C-alpha atoms as a PDB file:
ATOM      1  CA  UNK A   1     -12.176 -15.117  14.810  1.00  0.00           C
ATOM      2  CA  UNK A   2      -9.984 -14.247  11.810  1.00  0.00           C
ATOM      3  CA  UNK A   3      -6.473 -15.689  11.764  1.00  0.00           C
ATOM      4  CA  UNK A   4      -3.428 -13.438  11.629  1.00  0.00           C
ATOM      5  CA  UNK A   5      -1.830 -13.626   8.172  1.00  0.00           C
ATOM      6  CA  UNK A   6       0.850 -10.908   8.424  1.00  0.00           C
ATOM      7  CA  UNK A   7       2.439  -9.192  11.399  1.00  0.00           C
ATOM      8  CA  UNK A   8       5.155  -6.553  10.964  1.00  0.00           C
ATOM      9  CA  UNK A   9       7.058  -5.517  14.080  1.00  0.00           C
ATOM     10  CA  UNK A  10       9.477  -2.597  14.503  1.00  0.00           C
ATOM     11  CA  UNK A  11      10.589  -2.516  10.856  1.00  0.00           C
ATOM     12  CA  UNK A  12      13.530  -0.182  10.203  1.00  0.00           C
ATOM     13  CA  UNK A  13      14.891   0.419   6.681  1.00  0.00           C
ATOM     14  CA  UNK A  14      17.699   2.783   5.756  1.00  0.00           C
ATOM     15  CA  UNK A  15      19.409   3.820   2.535  1.00  0.00           C
ATOM     16  CA  UNK A  16      23.136   4.509   2.708  1.00  0.00           C
ATOM     17  CA  UNK A  17      23.961   7.194   0.119  1.00  0.00           C
ATOM     18  CA  UNK A  18      26.844   9.510  -0.671  1.00  0.00           C
ATOM     19  CA  UNK A  19      24.986  12.307   1.073  1.00  0.00           C
ATOM     20  CA  UNK A  20      24.351  10.274   4.211  1.00  0.00           C
ATOM     21  CA  UNK A  21      21.909   7.739   5.605  1.00  0.00           C
ATOM     22  CA  UNK A  22      18.265   8.137   4.622  1.00  0.00           C
ATOM     23  CA  UNK A  23      15.985   7.029   7.463  1.00  0.00           C
ATOM     24  CA  UNK A  24      13.187   5.765   5.231  1.00  0.00           C
ATOM     25  CA  UNK A  25      11.209   3.490   7.590  1.00  0.00           C
ATOM     26  CA  UNK A  26      11.418   4.023  11.344  1.00  0.00           C
ATOM     27  CA  UNK A  27      10.015   1.298  13.551  1.00  0.00           C
ATOM     28  CA  UNK A  28       6.841   0.513  11.582  1.00  0.00           C
ATOM     29  CA  UNK A  29       4.469  -2.073  13.076  1.00  0.00           C
ATOM     30  CA  UNK A  30       1.093  -3.314  11.835  1.00  0.00           C
ATOM     31  CA  UNK A  31      -0.879  -6.516  11.342  1.00  0.00           C
ATOM     32  CA  UNK A  32      -3.335  -8.091   8.919  1.00  0.00           C
ATOM     33  CA  UNK A  33      -6.026 -10.629   9.672  1.00  0.00           C
ATOM     34  CA  UNK A  34      -7.373 -13.022   7.063  1.00  0.00           C
ATOM     35  CA  UNK A  35      -9.793 -11.135   4.797  1.00  0.00           C
ATOM     36  CA  UNK A  36      -8.692  -7.652   5.925  1.00  0.00           C
ATOM     37  CA  UNK A  37      -8.111  -4.806   3.517  1.00  0.00           C
ATOM     38  CA  UNK A  38      -5.522  -2.442   4.967  1.00  0.00           C
ATOM     39  CA  UNK A  39      -4.932   0.979   3.454  1.00  0.00           C
ATOM     40  CA  UNK A  40      -1.481   2.553   3.868  1.00  0.00           C
ATOM     41  CA  UNK A  41      -1.769   6.301   3.325  1.00  0.00           C
ATOM     42  CA  UNK A  42       0.671   9.197   3.213  1.00  0.00           C
ATOM     43  CA  UNK A  43       2.350  11.717   0.940  1.00  0.00           C
ATOM     44  CA  UNK A  44       5.118  10.819  -1.496  1.00  0.00           C
ATOM     45  CA  UNK A  45       8.344   9.864   0.238  1.00  0.00           C
ATOM     46  CA  UNK A  46       6.754   8.914   3.568  1.00  0.00           C
ATOM     47  CA  UNK A  47       7.898   5.271   3.351  1.00  0.00           C
ATOM     48  CA  UNK A  48       4.707   3.502   2.222  1.00  0.00           C
ATOM     49  CA  UNK A  49       6.202   1.586  -0.700  1.00  0.00           C
ATOM     50  CA  UNK A  50       9.564   1.036   0.990  1.00  0.00           C
ATOM     51  CA  UNK A  51       7.752  -0.623   3.893  1.00  0.00           C
ATOM     52  CA  UNK A  52       6.106  -3.338   1.770  1.00  0.00           C
ATOM     53  CA  UNK A  53       9.103  -3.727  -0.541  1.00  0.00           C
ATOM     54  CA  UNK A  54      11.273  -4.248   2.547  1.00  0.00           C
ATOM     55  CA  UNK A  55       8.945  -7.002   3.755  1.00  0.00           C
ATOM     56  CA  UNK A  56       9.464  -8.875   0.475  1.00  0.00           C
ATOM     57  CA  UNK A  57      13.139  -7.863   0.238  1.00  0.00           C
ATOM     58  CA  UNK A  58      12.598  -6.179  -3.116  1.00  0.00           C
ATOM     59  CA  UNK A  59      14.723  -3.150  -2.283  1.00  0.00           C
ATOM     60  CA  UNK A  60      18.313  -3.107  -3.579  1.00  0.00           C
ATOM     61  CA  UNK A  61      20.745  -4.166  -0.835  1.00  0.00           C
ATOM     62  CA  UNK A  62      23.017  -2.151  -0.895  1.00  0.00           C
ATOM     63  CA  UNK A  63      22.354   0.794  -0.777  1.00  0.00           C
ATOM     64  CA  UNK A  64      19.285  -0.236   1.223  1.00  0.00           C
ATOM     65  CA  UNK A  65      19.478  -2.056   4.533  1.00  0.00           C
ATOM     66  CA  UNK A  66      16.681  -3.609   6.561  1.00  0.00           C
ATOM     67  CA  UNK A  67      18.330  -2.782   9.863  1.00  0.00           C
ATOM     68  CA  UNK A  68      15.784  -4.196  12.284  1.00  0.00           C
ATOM     69  CA  UNK A  69      12.395  -5.821  12.648  1.00  0.00           C
ATOM     70  CA  UNK A  70      10.418  -8.871  11.624  1.00  0.00           C
ATOM     71  CA  UNK A  71       7.706  -9.609   9.066  1.00  0.00           C
ATOM     72  CA  UNK A  72       5.781 -12.714  10.093  1.00  0.00           C
ATOM     73  CA  UNK A  73       3.805 -14.247   7.215  1.00  0.00           C
ATOM     74  CA  UNK A  74       1.851 -17.253   8.507  1.00  0.00           C
ATOM     75  CA  UNK A  75       4.172 -17.165  11.495  1.00  0.00           C
ATOM     76  CA  UNK A  76       7.418 -17.273   9.487  1.00  0.00           C
ATOM     77  CA  UNK A  77       9.742 -14.280   9.331  1.00  0.00           C
ATOM     78  CA  UNK A  78      10.179 -13.239   5.691  1.00  0.00           C
ATOM     79  CA  UNK A  79      13.184 -11.126   6.634  1.00  0.00           C
ATOM     80  CA  UNK A  80      15.064 -14.290   7.576  1.00  0.00           C
ATOM     81  CA  UNK A  81      14.210 -16.163   4.358  1.00  0.00           C
ATOM     82  CA  UNK A  82      16.836 -17.006   1.770  1.00  0.00           C
ATOM     83  CA  UNK A  83      16.394 -15.602  -1.734  1.00  0.00           C
ATOM     84  CA  UNK A  84      15.284 -19.037  -2.941  1.00  0.00           C
ATOM     85  CA  UNK A  85      12.624 -19.254  -0.213  1.00  0.00           C
ATOM     86  CA  UNK A  86      11.400 -15.741  -0.999  1.00  0.00           C
ATOM     87  CA  UNK A  87      10.972 -16.562  -4.688  1.00  0.00           C
ATOM     88  CA  UNK A  88       8.395 -19.175  -3.679  1.00  0.00           C
ATOM     89  CA  UNK A  89       6.454 -16.518  -1.744  1.00  0.00           C
ATOM     90  CA  UNK A  90       6.612 -13.609  -4.201  1.00  0.00           C
ATOM     91  CA  UNK A  91       4.023 -14.066  -6.909  1.00  0.00           C
ATOM     92  CA  UNK A  92       2.891 -17.342  -5.343  1.00  0.00           C
ATOM     93  CA  UNK A  93       1.535 -16.768  -1.844  1.00  0.00           C
ATOM     94  CA  UNK A  94       1.814 -12.981  -2.106  1.00  0.00           C
ATOM     95  CA  UNK A  95       0.738 -11.220  -5.311  1.00  0.00           C
ATOM     96  CA  UNK A  96       1.904  -7.720  -6.225  1.00  0.00           C
ATOM     97  CA  UNK A  97       0.428  -5.017  -8.431  1.00  0.00           C
ATOM     98  CA  UNK A  98       3.065  -2.393  -9.131  1.00  0.00           C
ATOM     99  CA  UNK A  99       2.566   1.336  -9.500  1.00  0.00           C
ATOM    100  CA  UNK A 100       3.228   1.967 -13.182  1.00  0.00           C
ATOM    101  CA  UNK A 101       1.489  -0.384 -15.637  1.00  0.00           C
ATOM    102  CA  UNK A 102       3.245   1.303 -18.569  1.00  0.00           C
ATOM    103  CA  UNK A 103       6.675  -0.007 -17.550  1.00  0.00           C
ATOM    104  CA  UNK A 104       5.905  -3.124 -15.484  1.00  0.00           C
ATOM    105  CA  UNK A 105       5.358  -5.491 -18.430  1.00  0.00           C
ATOM    106  CA  UNK A 106       8.069  -6.888 -20.698  1.00  0.00           C
ATOM    107  CA  UNK A 107       7.602  -5.253 -24.134  1.00  0.00           C
ATOM    108  CA  UNK A 108       9.005  -8.198 -26.126  1.00  0.00           C
ATOM    109  CA  UNK A 109       6.783 -10.954 -24.709  1.00  0.00           C
ATOM    110  CA  UNK A 110       3.088 -11.483 -25.301  1.00  0.00           C
ATOM    111  CA  UNK A 111       0.574 -10.798 -22.562  1.00  0.00           C
ATOM    112  CA  UNK A 112      -0.359 -14.483 -22.375  1.00  0.00           C
ATOM    113  CA  UNK A 113       3.231 -15.632 -21.928  1.00  0.00           C
ATOM    114  CA  UNK A 114       3.772 -13.135 -19.096  1.00  0.00           C
ATOM    115  CA  UNK A 115       0.654 -14.250 -17.232  1.00  0.00           C
ATOM    116  CA  UNK A 116       1.495 -17.933 -17.686  1.00  0.00           C
ATOM    117  CA  UNK A 117       5.128 -17.462 -16.646  1.00  0.00           C
ATOM    118  CA  UNK A 118       4.250 -16.880 -12.998  1.00  0.00           C
ATOM    119  CA  UNK A 119       2.068 -20.000 -12.948  1.00  0.00           C
ATOM    120  CA  UNK A 120       4.796 -22.151 -14.518  1.00  0.00           C
ATOM    121  CA  UNK A 121       7.158 -20.813 -11.838  1.00  0.00           C
ATOM    122  CA  UNK A 122       4.964 -21.545  -8.824  1.00  0.00           C
ATOM    123  CA  UNK A 123       2.428 -24.215  -9.814  1.00  0.00           C
ATOM    124  CA  UNK A 124       2.876 -27.781 -10.979  1.00  0.00           C
ATOM    125  CA  UNK A 125       0.806 -27.452 -14.160  1.00  0.00           C
ATOM    126  CA  UNK A 126       1.342 -28.180 -17.830  1.00  0.00           C
ATOM    127  CA  UNK A 127       1.696 -25.523 -20.521  1.00  0.00           C
ATOM    128  CA  UNK A 128      -1.804 -26.380 -21.783  1.00  0.00           C
ATOM    129  CA  UNK A 129      -3.311 -25.980 -18.316  1.00  0.00           C
ATOM    130  CA  UNK A 130      -1.480 -22.667 -17.875  1.00  0.00           C
ATOM    131  CA  UNK A 131      -2.796 -21.364 -21.203  1.00  0.00           C
ATOM    132  CA  UNK A 132      -6.381 -22.224 -20.213  1.00  0.00           C
ATOM    133  CA  UNK A 133      -5.882 -20.487 -16.887  1.00  0.00           C
ATOM    134  CA  UNK A 134      -4.528 -17.399 -18.701  1.00  0.00           C
ATOM    135  CA  UNK A 135      -7.753 -17.032 -20.660  1.00  0.00           C
ATOM    136  CA  UNK A 136      -9.827 -17.474 -17.504  1.00  0.00           C
ATOM    137  CA  UNK A 137      -7.823 -14.776 -15.711  1.00  0.00           C
ATOM    138  CA  UNK A 138      -7.989 -12.268 -18.567  1.00  0.00           C
ATOM    139  CA  UNK A 139     -11.734 -12.776 -18.716  1.00  0.00           C
ATOM    140  CA  UNK A 140     -12.006 -12.411 -14.925  1.00  0.00           C
ATOM    141  CA  UNK A 141     -10.230  -9.032 -14.909  1.00  0.00           C
ATOM    142  CA  UNK A 142     -12.439  -7.710 -17.711  1.00  0.00           C
ATOM    143  CA  UNK A 143     -10.274  -8.002 -20.822  1.00  0.00           C
ATOM    144  CA  UNK A 144     -12.578  -8.836 -23.771  1.00  0.00           C
ATOM    145  CA  UNK A 145     -11.725 -11.398 -26.465  1.00  0.00           C
ATOM    146  CA  UNK A 146      -9.177 -13.009 -24.173  1.00  0.00           C
ATOM    147  CA  UNK A 147      -7.993 -15.630 -26.691  1.00  0.00           C
ATOM    148  CA  UNK A 148      -6.932 -12.919 -29.159  1.00  0.00           C
ATOM    149  CA  UNK A 149      -5.594 -10.428 -26.612  1.00  0.00           C
ATOM    150  CA  UNK A 150      -3.401 -13.073 -24.969  1.00  0.00           C
ATOM    151  CA  UNK A 151      -1.362 -13.130 -28.204  1.00  0.00           C
ATOM    152  CA  UNK A 152      -0.919  -9.338 -28.217  1.00  0.00           C
ATOM    153  CA  UNK A 153       2.014  -7.358 -26.842  1.00  0.00           C
ATOM    154  CA  UNK A 154       1.908  -4.689 -24.101  1.00  0.00           C
ATOM    155  CA  UNK A 155       2.153  -1.763 -26.544  1.00  0.00           C
ATOM    156  CA  UNK A 156      -1.203  -2.856 -27.999  1.00  0.00           C
ATOM    157  CA  UNK A 157      -2.937  -2.236 -24.651  1.00  0.00           C
ATOM    158  CA  UNK A 158      -4.064   1.008 -23.008  1.00  0.00           C
ATOM    159  CA  UNK A 159      -2.811   1.941 -19.531  1.00  0.00           C
ATOM    160  CA  UNK A 160      -5.994   0.695 -17.897  1.00  0.00           C
ATOM    161  CA  UNK A 161      -5.869  -2.615 -19.768  1.00  0.00           C
ATOM    162  CA  UNK A 162      -2.204  -3.071 -18.863  1.00  0.00           C
ATOM    163  CA  UNK A 163      -3.108  -2.619 -15.211  1.00  0.00           C
ATOM    164  CA  UNK A 164      -5.789  -5.286 -15.602  1.00  0.00           C
ATOM    165  CA  UNK A 165      -3.086  -7.586 -16.977  1.00  0.00           C
ATOM    166  CA  UNK A 166      -0.959  -6.787 -13.908  1.00  0.00           C
ATOM    167  CA  UNK A 167      -3.908  -7.769 -11.715  1.00  0.00           C
ATOM    168  CA  UNK A 168      -4.249 -11.031 -13.657  1.00  0.00           C
ATOM    169  CA  UNK A 169      -0.554 -11.775 -13.066  1.00  0.00           C
ATOM    170  CA  UNK A 170      -0.935 -10.976  -9.358  1.00  0.00           C
ATOM    171  CA  UNK A 171      -3.940 -13.332  -9.093  1.00  0.00           C
ATOM    172  CA  UNK A 172      -2.490 -16.136 -11.210  1.00  0.00           C
ATOM    173  CA  UNK A 173      -1.468 -18.376  -8.302  1.00  0.00           C
ATOM    174  CA  UNK A 174      -4.437 -17.585  -6.037  1.00  0.00           C
ATOM    175  CA  UNK A 175      -2.307 -15.675  -3.499  1.00  0.00           C
ATOM    176  CA  UNK A 176      -3.365 -15.365   0.123  1.00  0.00           C
ATOM    177  CA  UNK A 177      -2.233 -11.733   0.198  1.00  0.00           C
ATOM    178  CA  UNK A 178      -2.478  -9.119  -2.560  1.00  0.00           C
ATOM    179  CA  UNK A 179      -0.326  -5.981  -2.321  1.00  0.00           C
ATOM    180  CA  UNK A 180      -1.321  -3.075  -4.568  1.00  0.00           C
ATOM    181  CA  UNK A 181       1.308  -0.322  -4.639  1.00  0.00           C
ATOM    182  CA  UNK A 182      -0.530   2.819  -5.832  1.00  0.00           C
ATOM    183  CA  UNK A 183      -1.890   0.867  -8.823  1.00  0.00           C
ATOM    184  CA  UNK A 184      -4.088   3.708 -10.122  1.00  0.00           C
ATOM    185  CA  UNK A 185      -1.637   6.631  -9.878  1.00  0.00           C
ATOM    186  CA  UNK A 186      -0.768   6.726 -13.592  1.00  0.00           C
ATOM    187  CA  UNK A 187      -4.383   6.316 -14.768  1.00  0.00           C
ATOM    188  CA  UNK A 188      -7.150   8.830 -15.403  1.00  0.00           C
ATOM    189  CA  UNK A 189      -9.954   9.061 -12.842  1.00  0.00           C
ATOM    190  CA  UNK A 190     -12.475   7.009 -14.836  1.00  0.00           C
ATOM    191  CA  UNK A 191     -10.051   4.102 -15.225  1.00  0.00           C
ATOM    192  CA  UNK A 192      -9.010   4.504 -11.573  1.00  0.00           C
ATOM    193  CA  UNK A 193     -12.605   3.913 -10.489  1.00  0.00           C
ATOM    194  CA  UNK A 194     -12.892   0.858 -12.734  1.00  0.00           C
ATOM    195  CA  UNK A 195      -9.683  -0.695 -11.364  1.00  0.00           C
ATOM    196  CA  UNK A 196     -10.751  -0.072  -7.753  1.00  0.00           C
ATOM    197  CA  UNK A 197     -14.151  -1.665  -8.364  1.00  0.00           C
ATOM    198  CA  UNK A 198     -12.401  -4.584 -10.096  1.00  0.00           C
ATOM    199  CA  UNK A 199     -10.164  -5.218  -7.070  1.00  0.00           C
ATOM    200  CA  UNK A 200     -13.123  -4.938  -4.663  1.00  0.00           C
ATOM    201  CA  UNK A 201     -15.065  -7.466  -6.722  1.00  0.00           C
ATOM    202  CA  UNK A 202     -12.132  -9.880  -6.916  1.00  0.00           C
ATOM    203  CA  UNK A 203     -11.471  -9.528  -3.186  1.00  0.00           C
ATOM    204  CA  UNK A 204     -15.046 -10.542  -2.439  1.00  0.00           C
ATOM    205  CA  UNK A 205     -14.959 -13.326  -5.043  1.00  0.00           C
ATOM    206  CA  UNK A 206     -11.725 -14.928  -3.863  1.00  0.00           C
ATOM    207  CA  UNK A 207     -11.680 -13.834  -0.201  1.00  0.00           C
ATOM    208  CA  UNK A 208      -8.225 -12.298  -0.492  1.00  0.00           C
ATOM    209  CA  UNK A 209      -6.415 -10.216   2.094  1.00  0.00           C
ATOM    210  CA  UNK A 210      -5.305  -6.891   0.578  1.00  0.00           C
ATOM    211  CA  UNK A 211      -2.801  -4.121   1.301  1.00  0.00           C
ATOM    212  CA  UNK A 212      -3.603  -1.007  -0.749  1.00  0.00           C
ATOM    213  CA  UNK A 213      -0.948   1.714  -0.788  1.00  0.00           C
ATOM    214  CA  UNK A 214      -2.096   5.203  -1.778  1.00  0.00           C
ATOM    215  CA  UNK A 215      -1.675   8.912  -1.095  1.00  0.00           C
ATOM    216  CA  UNK A 216      -5.442   9.408  -1.415  1.00  0.00           C
ATOM    217  CA  UNK A 217      -7.620   9.024   1.696  1.00  0.00           C
ATOM    218  CA  UNK A 218     -10.674   9.297  -0.545  1.00  0.00           C
ATOM    219  CA  UNK A 219      -9.825   5.973  -2.222  1.00  0.00           C
ATOM    220  CA  UNK A 220      -9.310   4.241   1.124  1.00  0.00           C
ATOM    221  CA  UNK A 221     -12.774   5.242   2.385  1.00  0.00           C
ATOM    222  CA  UNK A 222     -14.601   2.915   0.014  1.00  0.00           C
ATOM    223  CA  UNK A 223     -12.016   0.146  -0.182  1.00  0.00           C
ATOM    224  CA  UNK A 224     -10.353  -0.645   3.158  1.00  0.00           C
ATOM    225  CA  UNK A 225     -11.664  -1.611   6.570  1.00  0.00           C
ATOM    226  CA  UNK A 226      -8.538  -0.427   8.410  1.00  0.00           C
ATOM    227  CA  UNK A 227      -5.955   2.225   7.607  1.00  0.00           C
ATOM    228  CA  UNK A 228      -2.529   3.305   8.782  1.00  0.00           C
ATOM    229  CA  UNK A 229      -1.336   6.836   8.104  1.00  0.00           C
ATOM    230  CA  UNK A 230       2.414   7.277   7.586  1.00  0.00           C
ATOM    231  CA  UNK A 231       4.544  10.388   7.836  1.00  0.00           C
ATOM    232  CA  UNK A 232       8.337  10.627   7.445  1.00  0.00           C
ATOM    233  CA  UNK A 233       8.802   6.885   7.856  1.00  0.00           C
ATOM    234  CA  UNK A 234       6.573   6.561  10.940  1.00  0.00           C
ATOM    235  CA  UNK A 235       3.066   5.221  11.501  1.00  0.00           C
ATOM    236  CA  UNK A 236       1.308   8.228  13.035  1.00  0.00           C
ATOM    237  CA  UNK A 237      -2.237   6.825  13.194  1.00  0.00           C
ATOM    238  CA  UNK A 238      -3.838   3.382  12.910  1.00  0.00           C
ATOM    239  CA  UNK A 239      -7.595   2.870  13.047  1.00  0.00           C
ATOM    240  CA  UNK A 240     -10.678   1.395  11.475  1.00  0.00           C
ATOM    241  CA  UNK A 241     -11.609   3.527   8.455  1.00  0.00           C
ATOM    242  CA  UNK A 242     -14.908   4.693   9.961  1.00  0.00           C
ATOM    243  CA  UNK A 243     -13.148   5.727  13.192  1.00  0.00           C
ATOM    244  CA  UNK A 244     -10.433   7.579  11.305  1.00  0.00           C
ATOM    245  CA  UNK A 245     -12.949   9.680   9.393  1.00  0.00           C
ATOM    246  CA  UNK A 246     -15.231  10.263  12.361  1.00  0.00           C
ATOM    247  CA  UNK A 247     -12.513  11.021  14.919  1.00  0.00           C
ATOM    248  CA  UNK A 248      -9.056  11.729  13.412  1.00  0.00           C
ATOM    249  CA  UNK A 249      -6.574  12.208  16.238  1.00  0.00           C
ATOM    250  CA  UNK A 250      -3.261  13.102  14.561  1.00  0.00           C
ATOM    251  CA  UNK A 251      -2.714  16.621  13.171  1.00  0.00           C
ATOM    252  CA  UNK A 252      -1.372  15.176   9.910  1.00  0.00           C
ATOM    253  CA  UNK A 253      -4.444  12.986   9.417  1.00  0.00           C
ATOM    254  CA  UNK A 254      -6.639  16.024  10.084  1.00  0.00           C
ATOM    255  CA  UNK A 255      -4.698  17.966   7.457  1.00  0.00           C
ATOM    256  CA  UNK A 256      -5.164  15.180   4.903  1.00  0.00           C
ATOM    257  CA  UNK A 257      -8.903  15.050   5.540  1.00  0.00           C
ATOM    258  CA  UNK A 258      -9.243  18.832   5.305  1.00  0.00           C
ATOM    259  CA  UNK A 259      -7.517  18.765   1.930  1.00  0.00           C
ATOM    260  CA  UNK A 260     -10.118  16.405   0.433  1.00  0.00           C
ATOM    261  CA  UNK A 261     -12.620  18.075  -1.926  1.00  0.00           C
ATOM    262  CA  UNK A 262     -16.257  17.595  -0.967  1.00  0.00           C
ATOM    263  CA  UNK A 263     -19.175  18.045  -3.333  1.00  0.00           C
ATOM    264  CA  UNK A 264     -21.421  19.151  -0.473  1.00  0.00           C
ATOM    265  CA  UNK A 265     -19.305  22.171   0.406  1.00  0.00           C
ATOM    266  CA  UNK A 266     -19.742  25.745  -0.750  1.00  0.00           C
ATOM    267  CA  UNK A 267     -18.032  25.979  -4.137  1.00  0.00           C
ATOM    268  CA  UNK A 268     -16.281  29.177  -2.996  1.00  0.00           C
ATOM    269  CA  UNK A 269     -14.753  27.461   0.037  1.00  0.00           C
ATOM    270  CA  UNK A 270     -11.032  26.837  -0.399  1.00  0.00           C
ATOM    271  CA  UNK A 271      -9.360  23.539   0.400  1.00  0.00           C
ATOM    272  CA  UNK A 272      -7.027  23.582   3.397  1.00  0.00           C
ATOM    273  CA  UNK A 273      -3.353  22.905   2.716  1.00  0.00           C
ATOM    274  CA  UNK A 274      -0.684  21.690   5.147  1.00  0.00           C
ATOM    275  CA  UNK A 275       1.901  24.446   5.450  1.00  0.00           C
ATOM    276  CA  UNK A 276       5.613  23.699   5.447  1.00  0.00           C
ATOM    277  CA  UNK A 277       7.658  20.826   4.066  1.00  0.00           C
ATOM    278  CA  UNK A 278       8.435  17.248   5.118  1.00  0.00           C
ATOM    279  CA  UNK A 279      11.570  16.826   7.255  1.00  0.00           C
ATOM    280  CA  UNK A 280      15.049  16.039   5.990  1.00  0.00           C
ATOM    281  CA  UNK A 281      15.165  12.237   6.037  1.00  0.00           C
ATOM    282  CA  UNK A 282      18.971  12.370   6.271  1.00  0.00           C
ATOM    283  CA  UNK A 283      18.598  13.534   9.867  1.00  0.00           C
ATOM    284  CA  UNK A 284      18.084  10.751  12.405  1.00  0.00           C
ATOM    285  CA  UNK A 285      14.703  11.482  14.051  1.00  0.00           C
ATOM    286  CA  UNK A 286      14.834  12.422  17.727  1.00  0.00           C
ATOM    287  CA  UNK A 287      11.572  14.349  18.140  1.00  0.00           C
ATOM    288  CA  UNK A 288       8.192  14.615  16.442  1.00  0.00           C
ATOM    289  CA  UNK A 289       8.775  14.796  12.683  1.00  0.00           C
ATOM    290  CA  UNK A 290       5.554  16.741  12.093  1.00  0.00           C
ATOM    291  CA  UNK A 291       6.493  19.416  14.648  1.00  0.00           C
ATOM    292  CA  UNK A 292       7.484  22.239  12.201  1.00  0.00           C
ATOM    293  CA  UNK A 293       4.114  21.948  10.435  1.00  0.00           C
ATOM    294  CA  UNK A 294       1.889  21.354  13.470  1.00  0.00           C
ATOM    295  CA  UNK A 295      -0.450  23.916  15.029  1.00  0.00           C
ATOM    296  CA  UNK A 296      -1.266  21.624  17.975  1.00  0.00           C
ATOM    297  CA  UNK A 297       2.320  21.232  19.221  1.00  0.00           C
ATOM    298  CA  UNK A 298       3.088  21.280  22.937  1.00  0.00           C
ATOM    299  CA  UNK A 299       6.424  21.420  24.756  1.00  0.00           C
ATOM    300  CA  UNK A 300       6.788  17.650  24.955  1.00  0.00           C
ATOM    301  CA  UNK A 301       6.723  17.461  21.142  1.00  0.00           C
ATOM    302  CA  UNK A 302      10.010  19.393  21.126  1.00  0.00           C
ATOM    303  CA  UNK A 303      11.655  16.965  23.528  1.00  0.00           C
ATOM    304  CA  UNK A 304      10.953  13.380  22.459  1.00  0.00           C
ATOM    305  CA  UNK A 305       9.540  11.179  19.735  1.00  0.00           C
ATOM    306  CA  UNK A 306       5.863  10.339  20.215  1.00  0.00           C
ATOM    307  CA  UNK A 307       4.942   6.659  20.434  1.00  0.00           C
ATOM    308  CA  UNK A 308       1.733   4.967  19.307  1.00  0.00           C
ATOM    309  CA  UNK A 309      -0.814   4.976  22.142  1.00  0.00           C
ATOM    310  CA  UNK A 310      -4.380   3.722  22.371  1.00  0.00           C
ATOM    311  CA  UNK A 311      -7.047   6.435  22.129  1.00  0.00           C
ATOM    312  CA  UNK A 312      -9.979   4.117  21.394  1.00  0.00           C
ATOM    313  CA  UNK A 313     -10.895   0.561  20.541  1.00  0.00           C
ATOM    314  CA  UNK A 314      -8.245  -0.416  17.984  1.00  0.00           C
ATOM    315  CA  UNK A 315      -7.413   3.269  17.411  1.00  0.00           C
ATOM    316  CA  UNK A 316      -3.774   4.273  17.928  1.00  0.00           C
ATOM    317  CA  UNK A 317      -2.080   7.621  17.439  1.00  0.00           C
ATOM    318  CA  UNK A 318       1.534   8.817  17.770  1.00  0.00           C
ATOM    319  CA  UNK A 319       0.956  12.313  19.182  1.00  0.00           C
ATOM    320  CA  UNK A 320       1.573  13.892  22.577  1.00  0.00           C
ATOM    321  CA  UNK A 321      -1.296  16.369  22.152  1.00  0.00           C
ATOM    322  CA  UNK A 322      -4.895  15.396  22.847  1.00  0.00           C
ATOM    323  CA  UNK A 323      -6.173  16.515  19.451  1.00  0.00           C
ATOM    324  CA  UNK A 324      -9.935  16.554  18.889  1.00  0.00           C
ATOM    325  CA  UNK A 325     -11.446  17.483  15.578  1.00  0.00           C
ATOM    326  CA  UNK A 326     -14.728  16.912  13.778  1.00  0.00           C
ATOM    327  CA  UNK A 327     -14.170  17.067  10.000  1.00  0.00           C
ATOM    328  CA  UNK A 328     -17.013  18.884   8.343  1.00  0.00           C
ATOM    329  CA  UNK A 329     -18.865  17.109   5.544  1.00  0.00           C
ATOM    330  CA  UNK A 330     -16.552  14.084   5.449  1.00  0.00           C
ATOM    331  CA  UNK A 331     -19.124  11.342   5.029  1.00  0.00           C
ATOM    332  CA  UNK A 332     -18.137   7.780   4.234  1.00  0.00           C
END
């Protein structure tokens, strides 16, 4: 039986602004077992990135505030760690790949020095050992002529190659958990596919546990074994990937799946869009946040917030309606 590596319970994060309090993350709970790959999916602004950045306390406090919850990593609550204790975890036990490779690297330091820096911070190794490890990592992530490229600067690399460097940095200390925050968003589709295949290969090679944050359910299908769908700061569905595609039970998940292009469909068939707009996050939620956009709504949806309930083996949904839908042509 796999051991539990991360357990997040009732996480609440708010941003206090001049316009009011933004309710960014509202009672999010999930878990990760050793070797899992968890996809976190949802549209921009739904709280995906804020959730994982809150766990590692990488959001600016103030204006942000982690108001409630716990994030148990190997049984220890990261939200109760001091900044010094967290520095040992970030980059060491937990590696991060950030969203934009074009701005995540320091432009005035060589690639090699930036990869070795994280090792010198977390590992008891000499400069010579770190330099050897740098070349091994650059070769592992598919950067050719590693000895030469390690002496180059970020501006001499393409976007895809910079993201490979970010992966090398994230892997430098052999982390137990790798968090990838929309790492392919700024890249063209060909490079996206290469980066995804690279991460899958490295996951299998090193046996890492992975959290992959994305707005694209299509990416999750071939990468993750479990997925949580977020909307307006809430987890609205949590299931194994195969179950989610075969039997989506939340209206928002159904809308996301219907909006995916499928090569097997009639070329004249239009994609389905989700009408309406996301809710105002300045308003404290008191009822279903998807209500104004939902065609399955019942009276109870207008009266109270839905809670996650079991609808199958390991399949949870936050919806008062008993929604049943068979997506057409959505094969894994």
